[in-house]
Amino acid sequence: MPNEFSVKIHDYLSRKIAEAEKAVACEDEHSPFYRGQLEELHWMRAWLKENVDLKDFTYY
């Protein structure tokens, strides 16, 4: 059973990634900001998977 807090963090990151991807798809003047935010969110998710998460559980 994964840590409930870790699952909530992944859910939050998933929502923020979806929002940033939608904003990048619009290609408005704020797109560079959202591209940077998207990179940071993906970096955070990768770091969590490598350093914090349980190794035998897949997050979606």
Protein backbone atom coordinates (compact mmCIF):
# COMPACT_ATOMS: atom_id res chain seq x y z
CA MET A 1 0.00 0.00 0.00
CA PRO A 2 1.52 3.33 -1.03
CA ASN A 3 1.85 6.24 1.29
CA GLU A 4 -1.43 8.21 1.07
CA PHE A 5 0.42 11.53 1.10
CA SER A 6 2.59 10.41 -1.82
CA VAL A 7 -0.52 9.49 -3.82
CA LYS A 8 -1.99 12.95 -3.13
CA ILE A 9 1.23 14.58 -4.31
CA HIS A 10 1.13 12.60 -7.55
CA ASP A 11 -2.54 13.51 -8.06
CA TYR A 12 -1.70 17.18 -7.55
CA LEU A 13 1.22 16.97 -9.99
CA SER A 14 -0.99 15.22 -12.55
CA ARG A 15 -3.56 18.04 -12.35
CA LYS A 16 -0.91 20.74 -12.67
CA ILE A 17 0.74 18.93 -15.60
CA ALA A 18 -2.62 18.68 -17.40
CA GLU A 19 -3.26 22.40 -16.82
CA ALA A 20 0.20 23.36 -18.10
CA GLU A 21 -0.13 21.10 -21.17
CA LYS A 22 -3.47 22.71 -22.00
CA ALA A 23 -1.96 26.19 -21.64
CA VAL A 24 1.04 25.30 -23.82
CA ALA A 25 -1.33 23.98 -26.50
CA CYS A 26 -3.04 27.40 -26.66
CA GLU A 27 0.24 29.05 -27.77
CA ASP A 28 -0.45 32.45 -26.26
CA GLU A 29 1.99 34.97 -24.78
CA HIS A 30 2.18 32.93 -21.55
CA SER A 31 3.27 29.70 -23.27
CA PRO A 32 6.97 30.07 -22.36
CA PHE A 33 6.02 30.31 -18.69
CA TYR A 34 3.92 27.15 -18.91
CA ARG A 35 6.63 25.28 -20.83
CA GLY A 36 9.04 26.04 -17.99
CA GLN A 37 6.45 25.04 -15.42
CA LEU A 38 5.87 21.78 -17.29
CA GLU A 39 9.60 20.98 -17.21
CA GLU A 40 9.72 21.64 -13.47
CA LEU A 41 6.65 19.48 -12.80
CA HIS A 42 8.11 16.58 -14.78
CA TRP A 43 11.40 16.99 -12.91
CA MET A 44 9.56 16.91 -9.56
CA ARG A 45 7.67 13.76 -10.52
CA ALA A 46 10.88 12.03 -11.66
CA TRP A 47 12.67 13.02 -8.44
CA LEU A 48 9.82 11.71 -6.30
CA LYS A 49 9.74 8.41 -8.18
CA GLU A 50 13.48 7.98 -7.75
CA ASN A 51 13.96 9.14 -4.16
CA VAL A 52 10.71 8.90 -2.21
CA ASP A 53 8.18 6.53 -3.76
CA LEU A 54 7.78 2.86 -3.13
CA LYS A 55 9.67 0.94 -5.79
CA ASP A 56 6.92 -1.62 -6.45
CA PHE A 57 3.99 0.77 -6.97
CA THR A 58 3.05 2.53 -10.20
CA TYR A 59 1.48 5.99 -10.03
CA TYR A 60 -0.83 7.20 -12.77
